[in-house]
Amino acid sequence: MQLEKIISISGKPGLFKLVSQLKNGFIVEDITTKKKASISNSSQVSLLDNIAMFTFDKEVPLFEVFENIAKKYDYKPTINHKSSSEELRAFMAESLPNYDVERVYESDIKKLAQWYNLLQKAGYITPESFVKPEAPAEETIEEAKVVEEKEEKKPAAKKAPAKKAAEKAEATEEKPVKKTAAKKATKKED
């Protein structure tokens, strides 16, 4: 998912993409202007991947809310974050029907609309951006079982030479040690 490294920096407008890490901070890129900047480790940074919205029964990750909005608006821009309070609440009810009215403030809804529109404008809101990695298909699991069965059916005779080779290697390792000890003993006698 291409949205994983998107961050919000306290005190700076807009959203940023993490580019790389420095000794004392990070290099970030503004998602709309593509300008790069460095920020210090002391900056207050929020990874959008770690933000969730409250519902009455659980917390829903922000990217799931973005996905709901994207599907509702056909991956196009949504309402302006400066819309009226009633419009913002209606937008939120459409995007996350079970949202907790008391714990999700109007400022949160404004930020949600603003961030969604910024991401959409920058090209991050596409049907491909919400595709989750698929679990292994049934065929690959079955193929793995076949490979395991083949390995189990190999004759035990093939494993014996490996043991003999290991024993020979141990025996050859011990011989040089004994020779060096014998040489040391002859030097001391002289």
N, C-alpha and C. Protein backbone atom coordinates (compact mmCIF):
# COMPACT_ATOMS: atom_id res chain seq x y z
N MET A 1 0.86 -1.18 0.00
CA MET A 1 0.00 0.00 0.00
C MET A 1 0.89 1.23 0.00
N GLN A 2 0.62 2.16 -0.87
CA GLN A 2 1.46 3.34 -1.00
C GLN A 2 1.16 4.42 0.04
N LEU A 3 0.18 4.20 0.89
CA LEU A 3 -0.18 5.20 1.89
C LEU A 3 0.54 4.99 3.23
N GLU A 4 1.34 3.94 3.34
CA GLU A 4 1.93 3.57 4.62
C GLU A 4 2.92 4.58 5.19
N LYS A 5 3.63 5.31 4.36
CA LYS A 5 4.66 6.22 4.84
C LYS A 5 4.22 7.68 4.81
N ILE A 6 2.93 7.92 4.81
CA ILE A 6 2.41 9.29 4.80
C ILE A 6 2.27 9.76 6.25
N ILE A 7 2.76 10.97 6.52
CA ILE A 7 2.72 11.50 7.88
C ILE A 7 2.14 12.92 7.91
N SER A 8 1.73 13.28 9.10
CA SER A 8 1.32 14.65 9.38
C SER A 8 2.32 15.20 10.39
N ILE A 9 2.77 16.43 10.18
CA ILE A 9 3.73 17.04 11.09
C ILE A 9 3.04 18.19 11.79
N SER A 10 3.05 18.16 13.11
CA SER A 10 2.42 19.20 13.90
C SER A 10 3.08 20.55 13.60
N GLY A 11 2.24 21.54 13.30
CA GLY A 11 2.74 22.88 13.02
C GLY A 11 3.02 23.13 11.55
N LYS A 12 2.94 22.09 10.73
CA LYS A 12 3.16 22.27 9.29
C LYS A 12 1.89 21.86 8.55
N PRO A 13 1.42 22.71 7.64
CA PRO A 13 0.22 22.33 6.89
C PRO A 13 0.52 21.25 5.86
N GLY A 14 -0.47 20.44 5.55
CA GLY A 14 -0.33 19.42 4.52
C GLY A 14 0.11 18.08 5.06
N LEU A 15 0.38 17.19 4.12
CA LEU A 15 0.84 15.84 4.45
C LEU A 15 2.19 15.61 3.78
N PHE A 16 2.96 14.70 4.36
CA PHE A 16 4.30 14.46 3.88
C PHE A 16 4.56 12.96 3.75
N LYS A 17 5.49 12.65 2.86
CA LYS A 17 5.90 11.26 2.68
C LYS A 17 7.30 11.12 3.27
N LEU A 18 7.52 10.08 4.07
CA LEU A 18 8.84 9.82 4.62
C LEU A 18 9.74 9.32 3.48
N VAL A 19 10.86 9.99 3.29
CA VAL A 19 11.77 9.61 2.22
C VAL A 19 12.92 8.77 2.78
N SER A 20 13.59 9.29 3.81
CA SER A 20 14.66 8.53 4.44
C SER A 20 14.91 9.05 5.86
N GLN A 21 15.73 8.29 6.56
CA GLN A 21 16.03 8.64 7.95
C GLN A 21 17.44 9.19 8.04
N LEU A 22 17.60 10.21 8.84
CA LEU A 22 18.91 10.81 9.10
C LEU A 22 19.33 10.48 10.53
N LYS A 23 20.53 10.89 10.87
CA LYS A 23 21.02 10.66 12.23
C LYS A 23 20.17 11.42 13.25
N ASN A 24 19.78 12.65 12.91
CA ASN A 24 19.04 13.50 13.85
C ASN A 24 17.60 13.76 13.43
N GLY A 25 17.08 13.02 12.47
CA GLY A 25 15.71 13.28 12.03
C GLY A 25 15.35 12.51 10.79
N PHE A 26 14.55 13.16 9.93
CA PHE A 26 14.04 12.51 8.73
C PHE A 26 14.04 13.48 7.56
N ILE A 27 14.09 12.92 6.37
CA ILE A 27 13.86 13.71 5.15
C ILE A 27 12.45 13.37 4.72
N VAL A 28 11.64 14.42 4.51
CA VAL A 28 10.26 14.24 4.11
C VAL A 28 10.01 15.00 2.81
N GLU A 29 8.95 14.59 2.12
CA GLU A 29 8.59 15.23 0.86
C GLU A 29 7.12 15.62 0.93
N ASP A 30 6.81 16.88 0.66
CA ASP A 30 5.43 17.34 0.62
C ASP A 30 4.72 16.59 -0.50
N ILE A 31 3.56 15.99 -0.22
CA ILE A 31 2.92 15.15 -1.23
C ILE A 31 2.34 15.94 -2.40
N THR A 32 2.07 17.22 -2.21
CA THR A 32 1.50 18.01 -3.31
C THR A 32 2.55 18.78 -4.09
N THR A 33 3.50 19.40 -3.40
CA THR A 33 4.51 20.21 -4.08
C THR A 33 5.77 19.41 -4.42
N LYS A 34 5.94 18.25 -3.82
CA LYS A 34 7.11 17.37 -4.01
C LYS A 34 8.41 18.02 -3.52
N LYS A 35 8.31 19.06 -2.69
CA LYS A 35 9.51 19.68 -2.13
C LYS A 35 9.97 18.86 -0.94
N LYS A 36 11.28 18.66 -0.86
CA LYS A 36 11.86 17.88 0.23
C LYS A 36 12.35 18.81 1.32
N ALA A 37 12.28 18.32 2.54
CA ALA A 37 12.75 19.08 3.69
C ALA A 37 13.22 18.09 4.74
N SER A 38 14.00 18.59 5.67
CA SER A 38 14.42 17.72 6.78
C SER A 38 13.72 18.19 8.05
N ILE A 39 13.37 17.23 8.88
CA ILE A 39 12.74 17.54 10.17
C ILE A 39 13.55 16.85 11.26
N SER A 40 13.52 17.42 12.43
CA SER A 40 14.30 16.85 13.54
C SER A 40 13.50 15.76 14.25
N ASN A 41 14.22 15.00 15.04
CA ASN A 41 13.57 13.95 15.83
C ASN A 41 12.59 14.51 16.85
N SER A 42 12.76 15.78 17.22
CA SER A 42 11.88 16.37 18.22
C SER A 42 10.54 16.83 17.65
N SER A 43 10.40 16.81 16.32
CA SER A 43 9.13 17.20 15.70
C SER A 43 8.03 16.21 16.06
N GLN A 44 6.83 16.73 16.28
CA GLN A 44 5.69 15.84 16.56
C GLN A 44 5.13 15.35 15.24
N VAL A 45 5.28 14.05 15.01
CA VAL A 45 4.89 13.43 13.75
C VAL A 45 3.85 12.37 14.04
N SER A 46 2.81 12.32 13.18
CA SER A 46 1.79 11.27 13.29
C SER A 46 1.74 10.50 11.97
N LEU A 47 1.98 9.22 12.05
CA LEU A 47 1.86 8.35 10.88
C LEU A 47 0.38 8.10 10.65
N LEU A 48 -0.12 8.38 9.46
CA LEU A 48 -1.55 8.19 9.20
C LEU A 48 -1.96 6.73 9.39
N ASP A 49 -0.99 5.84 9.21
CA ASP A 49 -1.25 4.41 9.38
C ASP A 49 -1.63 4.07 10.83
N ASN A 50 -1.24 4.92 11.77
CA ASN A 50 -1.51 4.66 13.19
C ASN A 50 -2.73 5.39 13.72
N ILE A 51 -3.40 6.16 12.89
CA ILE A 51 -4.56 6.95 13.33
C ILE A 51 -5.84 6.16 13.08
N ALA A 52 -6.77 6.26 14.01
CA ALA A 52 -8.06 5.56 13.87
C ALA A 52 -9.18 6.52 14.26
N MET A 53 -10.39 6.20 13.80
CA MET A 53 -11.57 7.01 14.13
C MET A 53 -12.46 6.17 15.06
N PHE A 54 -13.08 6.83 16.01
CA PHE A 54 -13.93 6.15 16.98
C PHE A 54 -15.30 5.81 16.40
N THR A 55 -15.74 4.59 16.67
CA THR A 55 -17.13 4.21 16.44
C THR A 55 -17.66 3.79 17.80
N PHE A 56 -18.93 3.42 17.86
CA PHE A 56 -19.50 3.04 19.15
C PHE A 56 -18.96 1.71 19.66
N ASP A 57 -18.48 0.85 18.77
CA ASP A 57 -18.03 -0.46 19.23
C ASP A 57 -16.53 -0.70 19.05
N LYS A 58 -15.84 0.06 18.21
CA LYS A 58 -14.40 -0.15 18.00
C LYS A 58 -13.77 1.09 17.39
N GLU A 59 -12.47 1.00 17.14
CA GLU A 59 -11.75 2.05 16.43
C GLU A 59 -11.47 1.56 15.02
N VAL A 60 -11.78 2.38 14.04
CA VAL A 60 -11.59 2.01 12.63
C VAL A 60 -10.35 2.74 12.12
N PRO A 61 -9.39 2.01 11.53
CA PRO A 61 -8.19 2.66 10.99
C PRO A 61 -8.56 3.73 9.95
N LEU A 62 -7.80 4.79 9.94
CA LEU A 62 -8.06 5.92 9.06
C LEU A 62 -8.10 5.51 7.59
N PHE A 63 -7.24 4.57 7.19
CA PHE A 63 -7.21 4.16 5.79
C PHE A 63 -8.49 3.43 5.39
N GLU A 64 -9.15 2.77 6.32
CA GLU A 64 -10.44 2.15 6.02
C GLU A 64 -11.50 3.23 5.78
N VAL A 65 -11.42 4.31 6.55
CA VAL A 65 -12.35 5.42 6.36
C VAL A 65 -12.08 6.08 5.00
N PHE A 66 -10.79 6.26 4.67
CA PHE A 66 -10.44 6.80 3.35
C PHE A 66 -10.98 5.91 2.23
N GLU A 67 -10.90 4.61 2.43
CA GLU A 67 -11.41 3.67 1.42
C GLU A 67 -12.92 3.80 1.26
N ASN A 68 -13.63 3.96 2.38
CA ASN A 68 -15.09 4.16 2.33
C ASN A 68 -15.43 5.44 1.55
N ILE A 69 -14.69 6.50 1.84
CA ILE A 69 -14.92 7.78 1.16
C ILE A 69 -14.62 7.63 -0.33
N ALA A 70 -13.50 6.99 -0.65
CA ALA A 70 -13.10 6.82 -2.04
C ALA A 70 -14.15 6.06 -2.83
N LYS A 71 -14.69 5.00 -2.25
CA LYS A 71 -15.73 4.23 -2.95
C LYS A 71 -17.00 5.04 -3.10
N LYS A 72 -17.36 5.79 -2.07
CA LYS A 72 -18.57 6.61 -2.10
C LYS A 72 -18.48 7.71 -3.16
N TYR A 73 -17.30 8.32 -3.27
CA TYR A 73 -17.11 9.44 -4.20
C TYR A 73 -16.40 9.03 -5.49
N ASP A 74 -16.32 7.74 -5.76
CA ASP A 74 -15.72 7.20 -6.98
C ASP A 74 -14.28 7.69 -7.16
N TYR A 75 -13.52 7.71 -6.07
CA TYR A 75 -12.10 8.08 -6.06
C TYR A 75 -11.87 9.52 -6.53
N LYS A 76 -12.85 10.37 -6.35
CA LYS A 76 -12.75 11.79 -6.72
C LYS A 76 -12.75 12.63 -5.45
N PRO A 77 -12.46 13.94 -5.57
CA PRO A 77 -12.46 14.80 -4.38
C PRO A 77 -13.82 14.81 -3.68
N THR A 78 -13.76 15.07 -2.40
CA THR A 78 -14.98 15.11 -1.58
C THR A 78 -15.26 16.55 -1.17
N ILE A 79 -16.09 16.73 -0.14
CA ILE A 79 -16.46 18.08 0.27
C ILE A 79 -15.25 18.85 0.78
N ASN A 80 -15.36 20.16 0.76
CA ASN A 80 -14.31 21.03 1.26
C ASN A 80 -14.28 20.96 2.78
N HIS A 81 -13.09 21.01 3.35
CA HIS A 81 -12.97 20.96 4.82
C HIS A 81 -13.49 22.23 5.48
N LYS A 82 -13.79 23.25 4.69
CA LYS A 82 -14.34 24.49 5.24
C LYS A 82 -15.86 24.54 5.13
N SER A 83 -16.48 23.41 4.82
CA SER A 83 -17.94 23.35 4.70
C SER A 83 -18.59 23.57 6.06
N SER A 84 -19.90 23.73 6.04
CA SER A 84 -20.63 23.99 7.29
C SER A 84 -20.61 22.76 8.20
N SER A 85 -20.91 23.00 9.44
CA SER A 85 -20.92 21.93 10.44
C SER A 85 -21.88 20.81 10.06
N GLU A 86 -23.08 21.17 9.58
CA GLU A 86 -24.08 20.17 9.19
C GLU A 86 -23.59 19.32 8.02
N GLU A 87 -22.94 19.97 7.04
CA GLU A 87 -22.43 19.23 5.89
C GLU A 87 -21.31 18.28 6.29
N LEU A 88 -20.46 18.74 7.20
CA LEU A 88 -19.37 17.90 7.66
C LEU A 88 -19.89 16.67 8.42
N ARG A 89 -20.89 16.88 9.28
CA ARG A 89 -21.47 15.75 10.04
C ARG A 89 -22.17 14.77 9.09
N ALA A 90 -22.85 15.29 8.07
CA ALA A 90 -23.51 14.41 7.09
C ALA A 90 -22.46 13.62 6.31
N PHE A 91 -21.37 14.29 5.95
CA PHE A 91 -20.27 13.62 5.25
C PHE A 91 -19.69 12.50 6.11
N MET A 92 -19.52 12.76 7.39
CA MET A 92 -18.96 11.76 8.29
C MET A 92 -19.91 10.58 8.46
N ALA A 93 -21.19 10.87 8.54
CA ALA A 93 -22.19 9.80 8.69
C ALA A 93 -22.21 8.90 7.45
N GLU A 94 -21.97 9.47 6.27
CA GLU A 94 -21.91 8.67 5.04
C GLU A 94 -20.62 7.84 4.99
N SER A 95 -19.53 8.44 5.47
CA SER A 95 -18.22 7.79 5.39
C SER A 95 -18.04 6.70 6.43
N LEU A 96 -18.55 6.93 7.63
CA LEU A 96 -18.43 5.98 8.73
C LEU A 96 -19.74 6.03 9.51
N PRO A 97 -20.74 5.28 9.06
CA PRO A 97 -22.09 5.39 9.62
C PRO A 97 -22.19 5.22 11.14
N ASN A 98 -21.33 4.42 11.73
CA ASN A 98 -21.42 4.12 13.15
C ASN A 98 -20.45 4.96 13.99
N TYR A 99 -20.02 6.11 13.47
CA TYR A 99 -19.01 6.88 14.20
C TYR A 99 -19.57 7.44 15.50
N ASP A 100 -18.70 7.56 16.49
CA ASP A 100 -19.07 8.06 17.81
C ASP A 100 -19.18 9.58 17.75
N VAL A 101 -20.40 10.09 17.81
CA VAL A 101 -20.69 11.51 17.65
C VAL A 101 -20.02 12.35 18.75
N GLU A 102 -19.89 11.79 19.95
CA GLU A 102 -19.32 12.56 21.06
C GLU A 102 -17.79 12.58 21.04
N ARG A 103 -17.16 11.54 20.51
CA ARG A 103 -15.70 11.49 20.55
C ARG A 103 -15.04 11.91 19.24
N VAL A 104 -15.78 11.98 18.15
CA VAL A 104 -15.24 12.48 16.89
C VAL A 104 -15.70 13.92 16.74
N TYR A 105 -14.75 14.82 16.90
CA TYR A 105 -15.06 16.25 16.88
C TYR A 105 -15.13 16.78 15.46
N GLU A 106 -15.71 17.97 15.34
CA GLU A 106 -15.81 18.62 14.03
C GLU A 106 -14.42 18.86 13.45
N SER A 107 -13.45 19.20 14.28
CA SER A 107 -12.08 19.42 13.80
C SER A 107 -11.49 18.14 13.22
N ASP A 108 -11.85 16.98 13.79
CA ASP A 108 -11.39 15.70 13.26
C ASP A 108 -11.98 15.45 11.86
N ILE A 109 -13.26 15.79 11.69
CA ILE A 109 -13.92 15.60 10.40
C ILE A 109 -13.32 16.53 9.35
N LYS A 110 -13.02 17.77 9.75
CA LYS A 110 -12.38 18.72 8.84
C LYS A 110 -11.02 18.18 8.38
N LYS A 111 -10.25 17.66 9.33
CA LYS A 111 -8.94 17.11 9.01
C LYS A 111 -9.07 15.91 8.09
N LEU A 112 -10.06 15.06 8.35
CA LEU A 112 -10.31 13.89 7.51
C LEU A 112 -10.60 14.31 6.06
N ALA A 113 -11.49 15.28 5.88
CA ALA A 113 -11.84 15.75 4.53
C ALA A 113 -10.64 16.41 3.86
N GLN A 114 -9.91 17.21 4.60
CA GLN A 114 -8.75 17.89 4.05
C GLN A 114 -7.68 16.88 3.63
N TRP A 115 -7.36 15.91 4.50
CA TRP A 115 -6.34 14.92 4.18
C TRP A 115 -6.76 14.06 3.00
N TYR A 116 -8.02 13.67 2.97
CA TYR A 116 -8.50 12.86 1.84
C TYR A 116 -8.30 13.62 0.53
N ASN A 117 -8.71 14.89 0.51
CA ASN A 117 -8.59 15.69 -0.71
C ASN A 117 -7.12 15.91 -1.11
N LEU A 118 -6.24 16.09 -0.12
CA LEU A 118 -4.81 16.23 -0.42
C LEU A 118 -4.25 14.94 -1.04
N LEU A 119 -4.61 13.82 -0.44
CA LEU A 119 -4.14 12.52 -0.96
C LEU A 119 -4.70 12.26 -2.35
N GLN A 120 -5.95 12.63 -2.56
CA GLN A 120 -6.58 12.41 -3.87
C GLN A 120 -5.90 13.28 -4.92
N LYS A 121 -5.63 14.54 -4.58
CA LYS A 121 -4.99 15.46 -5.51
C LYS A 121 -3.57 15.00 -5.86
N ALA A 122 -2.88 14.41 -4.89
CA ALA A 122 -1.51 13.95 -5.10
C ALA A 122 -1.44 12.59 -5.80
N GLY A 123 -2.60 11.98 -6.04
CA GLY A 123 -2.62 10.71 -6.77
C GLY A 123 -2.50 9.47 -5.89
N TYR A 124 -2.70 9.63 -4.60
CA TYR A 124 -2.60 8.49 -3.68
C TYR A 124 -3.93 7.74 -3.52
N ILE A 125 -5.03 8.36 -3.91
CA ILE A 125 -6.34 7.72 -3.76
C ILE A 125 -6.71 7.11 -5.10
N THR A 126 -6.42 5.83 -5.23
CA THR A 126 -6.75 5.06 -6.43
C THR A 126 -7.27 3.70 -5.97
N PRO A 127 -7.95 2.97 -6.83
CA PRO A 127 -8.40 1.63 -6.43
C PRO A 127 -7.23 0.72 -6.02
N GLU A 128 -6.06 0.90 -6.62
CA GLU A 128 -4.90 0.07 -6.30
C GLU A 128 -4.30 0.41 -4.94
N SER A 129 -4.52 1.64 -4.46
CA SER A 129 -3.90 2.04 -3.20
C SER A 129 -4.52 1.35 -1.98
N PHE A 130 -5.68 0.76 -2.15
CA PHE A 130 -6.33 0.09 -1.02
C PHE A 130 -6.29 -1.43 -1.13
N VAL A 131 -5.55 -1.95 -2.11
CA VAL A 131 -5.45 -3.40 -2.27
C VAL A 131 -4.56 -3.95 -1.17
N LYS A 132 -5.09 -4.94 -0.47
CA LYS A 132 -4.35 -5.57 0.62
C LYS A 132 -3.63 -6.80 0.07
N PRO A 133 -2.45 -7.12 0.63
CA PRO A 133 -1.76 -8.31 0.16
C PRO A 133 -2.61 -9.55 0.39
N GLU A 134 -2.66 -10.41 -0.63
CA GLU A 134 -3.52 -11.58 -0.54
C GLU A 134 -2.84 -12.68 0.24
N ALA A 135 -3.65 -13.52 0.87
CA ALA A 135 -3.14 -14.69 1.58
C ALA A 135 -2.70 -15.71 0.53
N PRO A 136 -1.82 -16.63 0.91
CA PRO A 136 -1.38 -17.63 -0.07
C PRO A 136 -2.55 -18.40 -0.64
N ALA A 137 -2.53 -18.61 -1.94
CA ALA A 137 -3.61 -19.32 -2.61
C ALA A 137 -3.57 -20.79 -2.24
N GLU A 138 -4.70 -21.47 -2.45
CA GLU A 138 -4.79 -22.89 -2.12
C GLU A 138 -3.75 -23.70 -2.89
N GLU A 139 -3.48 -23.33 -4.13
CA GLU A 139 -2.54 -24.08 -4.95
C GLU A 139 -1.14 -24.05 -4.34
N THR A 140 -0.71 -22.92 -3.83
CA THR A 140 0.63 -22.84 -3.26
C THR A 140 0.73 -23.67 -1.98
N ILE A 141 -0.33 -23.73 -1.21
CA ILE A 141 -0.33 -24.56 -0.02
C ILE A 141 -0.24 -26.03 -0.42
N GLU A 142 -0.99 -26.41 -1.42
CA GLU A 142 -0.96 -27.80 -1.89
C GLU A 142 0.41 -28.13 -2.48
N GLU A 143 1.01 -27.20 -3.21
CA GLU A 143 2.34 -27.43 -3.76
C GLU A 143 3.36 -27.63 -2.66
N ALA A 144 3.25 -26.86 -1.59
CA ALA A 144 4.17 -27.00 -0.46
C ALA A 144 4.02 -28.38 0.19
N LYS A 145 2.80 -28.88 0.29
CA LYS A 145 2.58 -30.21 0.86
C LYS A 145 3.22 -31.28 -0.01
N VAL A 146 3.11 -31.15 -1.33
CA VAL A 146 3.71 -32.12 -2.25
C VAL A 146 5.22 -32.13 -2.09
N VAL A 147 5.84 -30.95 -1.97
CA VAL A 147 7.28 -30.87 -1.80
C VAL A 147 7.70 -31.53 -0.48
N GLU A 148 6.93 -31.30 0.60
CA GLU A 148 7.23 -31.91 1.89
C GLU A 148 7.14 -33.43 1.80
N GLU A 149 6.12 -33.94 1.10
CA GLU A 149 5.95 -35.38 0.96
C GLU A 149 7.12 -35.99 0.19
N LYS A 150 7.60 -35.31 -0.85
CA LYS A 150 8.73 -35.81 -1.63
C LYS A 150 9.98 -35.88 -0.77
N GLU A 151 10.19 -34.88 0.08
CA GLU A 151 11.36 -34.87 0.95
C GLU A 151 11.30 -36.00 1.97
N GLU A 152 10.11 -36.31 2.45
CA GLU A 152 9.95 -37.38 3.43
C GLU A 152 10.18 -38.74 2.80
N LYS A 153 9.90 -38.91 1.52
CA LYS A 153 10.01 -40.20 0.83
C LYS A 153 11.43 -40.50 0.38
N LYS A 154 12.37 -39.59 0.50
CA LYS A 154 13.73 -39.83 0.08
C LYS A 154 14.31 -40.97 0.92
N PRO A 155 15.07 -41.87 0.30
CA PRO A 155 15.62 -43.01 1.04
C PRO A 155 16.62 -42.55 2.10
N ALA A 156 16.67 -43.30 3.19
CA ALA A 156 17.55 -42.97 4.31
C ALA A 156 19.00 -43.21 3.94
N ALA A 157 19.28 -44.04 2.94
CA ALA A 157 20.64 -44.34 2.53
C ALA A 157 21.38 -43.09 2.07
N LYS A 158 20.68 -42.15 1.52
CA LYS A 158 21.32 -40.92 1.05
C LYS A 158 21.79 -40.05 2.20
N LYS A 159 21.18 -40.19 3.35
CA LYS A 159 21.55 -39.36 4.49
C LYS A 159 22.78 -39.91 5.20
N ALA A 160 23.06 -41.20 5.08
CA ALA A 160 24.19 -41.81 5.76
C ALA A 160 25.52 -41.23 5.30
N PRO A 161 25.79 -41.05 4.00
CA PRO A 161 27.07 -40.48 3.60
C PRO A 161 27.32 -39.11 4.21
N ALA A 162 26.29 -38.35 4.40
CA ALA A 162 26.47 -37.03 5.01
C ALA A 162 27.00 -37.17 6.43
N LYS A 163 26.50 -38.17 7.15
CA LYS A 163 26.99 -38.40 8.52
C LYS A 163 28.44 -38.85 8.49
N LYS A 164 28.78 -39.74 7.53
CA LYS A 164 30.16 -40.22 7.43
C LYS A 164 31.09 -39.07 7.07
N ALA A 165 30.64 -38.20 6.19
CA ALA A 165 31.46 -37.05 5.81
C ALA A 165 31.70 -36.14 7.00
N ALA A 166 30.70 -35.96 7.83
CA ALA A 166 30.85 -35.14 9.03
C ALA A 166 31.82 -35.77 10.00
N GLU A 167 31.75 -37.11 10.13
CA GLU A 167 32.69 -37.81 11.03
C GLU A 167 34.11 -37.67 10.52
N LYS A 168 34.31 -37.78 9.19
CA LYS A 168 35.64 -37.63 8.61
C LYS A 168 36.16 -36.22 8.85
N ALA A 169 35.30 -35.24 8.71
CA ALA A 169 35.71 -33.85 8.92
C ALA A 169 36.17 -33.63 10.36
N GLU A 170 35.45 -34.25 11.31
CA GLU A 170 35.84 -34.13 12.72
C GLU A 170 37.17 -34.81 12.96
N ALA A 171 37.37 -35.96 12.33
CA ALA A 171 38.61 -36.70 12.52
C ALA A 171 39.79 -35.92 11.95
N THR A 172 39.63 -35.29 10.80
CA THR A 172 40.72 -34.52 10.20
C THR A 172 41.01 -33.26 11.00
N GLU A 173 40.02 -32.72 11.66
CA GLU A 173 40.24 -31.53 12.47
C GLU A 173 41.07 -31.85 13.71
N GLU A 174 40.91 -33.03 14.25
CA GLU A 174 41.63 -33.40 15.47
C GLU A 174 43.10 -33.69 15.18
N LYS A 175 43.44 -34.26 14.04
CA LYS A 175 44.81 -34.66 13.73
C LYS A 175 45.77 -33.48 13.74
N PRO A 176 45.47 -32.34 13.08
CA PRO A 176 46.43 -31.24 13.11
C PRO A 176 46.66 -30.71 14.51
N VAL A 177 45.68 -30.76 15.35
CA VAL A 177 45.83 -30.27 16.71
C VAL A 177 46.83 -31.14 17.44
N LYS A 178 46.77 -32.45 17.25
CA LYS A 178 47.69 -33.37 17.92
C LYS A 178 49.10 -33.15 17.42
N LYS A 179 49.31 -32.89 16.13
CA LYS A 179 50.63 -32.68 15.57
C LYS A 179 51.26 -31.43 16.15
N THR A 180 50.47 -30.36 16.28
CA THR A 180 51.03 -29.12 16.83
C THR A 180 51.41 -29.31 18.28
N ALA A 181 50.65 -30.11 19.00
CA ALA A 181 50.98 -30.37 20.39
C ALA A 181 52.26 -31.18 20.47
N ALA A 182 52.44 -32.11 19.54
CA ALA A 182 53.66 -32.92 19.53
C ALA A 182 54.86 -32.06 19.19
N LYS A 183 54.73 -31.11 18.27
CA LYS A 183 55.83 -30.21 17.91
C LYS A 183 56.23 -29.36 19.07
N LYS A 184 55.26 -28.86 19.83
CA LYS A 184 55.55 -28.03 20.99
C LYS A 184 56.32 -28.82 22.05
N ALA A 185 55.94 -30.09 22.22
CA ALA A 185 56.61 -30.93 23.19
C ALA A 185 58.07 -31.17 22.78
N THR A 186 58.33 -31.35 21.50
CA THR A 186 59.73 -31.58 21.04
C THR A 186 60.55 -30.32 21.19
N LYS A 187 59.97 -29.14 21.04
CA LYS A 187 60.71 -27.89 21.18
C LYS A 187 61.13 -27.67 22.64
N LYS A 188 60.26 -28.05 23.55
CA LYS A 188 60.57 -27.85 24.96
C LYS A 188 61.72 -28.76 25.40
N GLU A 189 61.84 -29.95 24.81
CA GLU A 189 62.89 -30.89 25.16
C GLU A 189 64.25 -30.37 24.73
N ASP A 190 64.32 -29.58 23.65
CA ASP A 190 65.60 -29.09 23.14
C ASP A 190 66.15 -28.08 24.06
